[in-house]
């Protein structure tokens, strides 16, 4: 691949935005090349893992946080 070419949508390296929520509303699943994974709560943690273990990382998945025990109105 020419370094100046754009990645085509059918290429496995192609990235699609899966959520438009603010970054602080996500969790991140960092997956190693060996298949192990860890879920972290903020992007700074992802950056730290990538900086320290980048060559062992396969990919990072952005997960929408599940809102737990949210109530609306009065009881």
Protein backbone atom coordinates (compact mmCIF):
# COMPACT_ATOMS: atom_id res chain seq x y z
CA UNK A 1 0.00 0.00 0.00
CA UNK A 2 1.28 3.43 -0.94
CA UNK A 3 1.71 5.46 2.29
CA UNK A 4 -0.33 8.29 0.75
CA UNK A 5 -3.33 6.09 -0.18
CA UNK A 6 -6.54 6.23 1.80
CA UNK A 7 -7.63 3.01 3.50
CA UNK A 8 -10.63 1.55 1.67
CA UNK A 9 -13.82 0.67 3.63
CA UNK A 10 -13.36 -3.07 2.88
CA UNK A 11 -9.85 -3.08 4.41
CA UNK A 12 -9.72 -4.63 7.93
CA UNK A 13 -7.74 -1.59 9.14
CA UNK A 14 -10.60 0.75 8.21
CA UNK A 15 -12.06 2.54 11.24
CA UNK A 16 -15.67 3.55 11.65
CA UNK A 17 -17.01 5.76 14.40
CA UNK A 18 -19.44 3.66 16.42
CA UNK A 19 -20.65 6.24 18.90
CA UNK A 20 -21.03 10.00 18.99
CA UNK A 21 -21.18 10.30 22.79
CA UNK A 22 -18.56 12.28 24.69
CA UNK A 23 -15.35 10.37 25.44
CA UNK A 24 -15.99 10.44 29.18
CA UNK A 25 -19.09 8.32 28.60
CA UNK A 26 -17.06 5.39 27.31
CA UNK A 27 -15.08 2.52 28.65
CA UNK A 28 -12.23 1.09 26.61
CA UNK A 29 -11.32 -2.54 26.04
CA UNK A 30 -7.60 -2.90 25.29
CA UNK A 31 -6.91 -6.22 23.56
CA UNK A 32 -3.45 -7.76 23.36
CA UNK A 33 -2.09 -9.67 20.38
CA UNK A 34 -2.38 -12.81 22.54
CA UNK A 35 -6.12 -12.27 23.02
CA UNK A 36 -6.09 -11.09 26.63
CA UNK A 37 -8.03 -7.92 27.37
CA UNK A 38 -8.59 -5.31 30.05
CA UNK A 39 -11.42 -2.77 30.33
CA UNK A 40 -10.50 0.70 31.59
CA UNK A 41 -12.69 3.68 32.45
CA UNK A 42 -10.87 6.54 30.77
CA UNK A 43 -8.86 7.34 27.69
CA UNK A 44 -5.81 8.41 29.71
CA UNK A 45 -5.50 4.80 30.92
CA UNK A 46 -5.63 3.61 27.31
CA UNK A 47 -2.85 6.01 26.40
CA UNK A 48 -0.71 4.79 29.31
CA UNK A 49 -1.18 1.14 28.31
CA UNK A 50 -0.45 1.95 24.66
CA UNK A 51 2.69 3.89 25.60
CA UNK A 52 4.03 1.12 27.87
CA UNK A 53 2.91 -1.95 25.92
CA UNK A 54 2.07 -0.66 22.43
CA UNK A 55 3.92 -3.36 20.53
CA UNK A 56 1.84 -6.03 22.33
CA UNK A 57 -1.53 -4.37 21.65
CA UNK A 58 -3.82 -5.71 18.92
CA UNK A 59 -6.55 -3.09 19.12
CA UNK A 60 -8.74 -0.94 21.35
CA UNK A 61 -12.54 -1.19 21.42
CA UNK A 62 -14.67 1.76 22.52
CA UNK A 63 -17.53 0.57 24.75
CA UNK A 64 -20.58 2.60 25.69
CA UNK A 65 -20.95 2.75 29.46
CA UNK A 66 -24.06 1.19 30.87
CA UNK A 67 -25.97 3.55 33.11
CA UNK A 68 -26.65 1.63 36.28
CA UNK A 69 -29.44 2.27 38.78
CA UNK A 70 -30.50 5.51 37.16
CA UNK A 71 -33.92 6.61 38.37
CA UNK A 72 -36.07 9.37 37.01
CA UNK A 73 -38.66 11.30 38.95
CA UNK A 74 -39.93 10.73 42.46
CA UNK A 75 -40.85 7.48 44.22
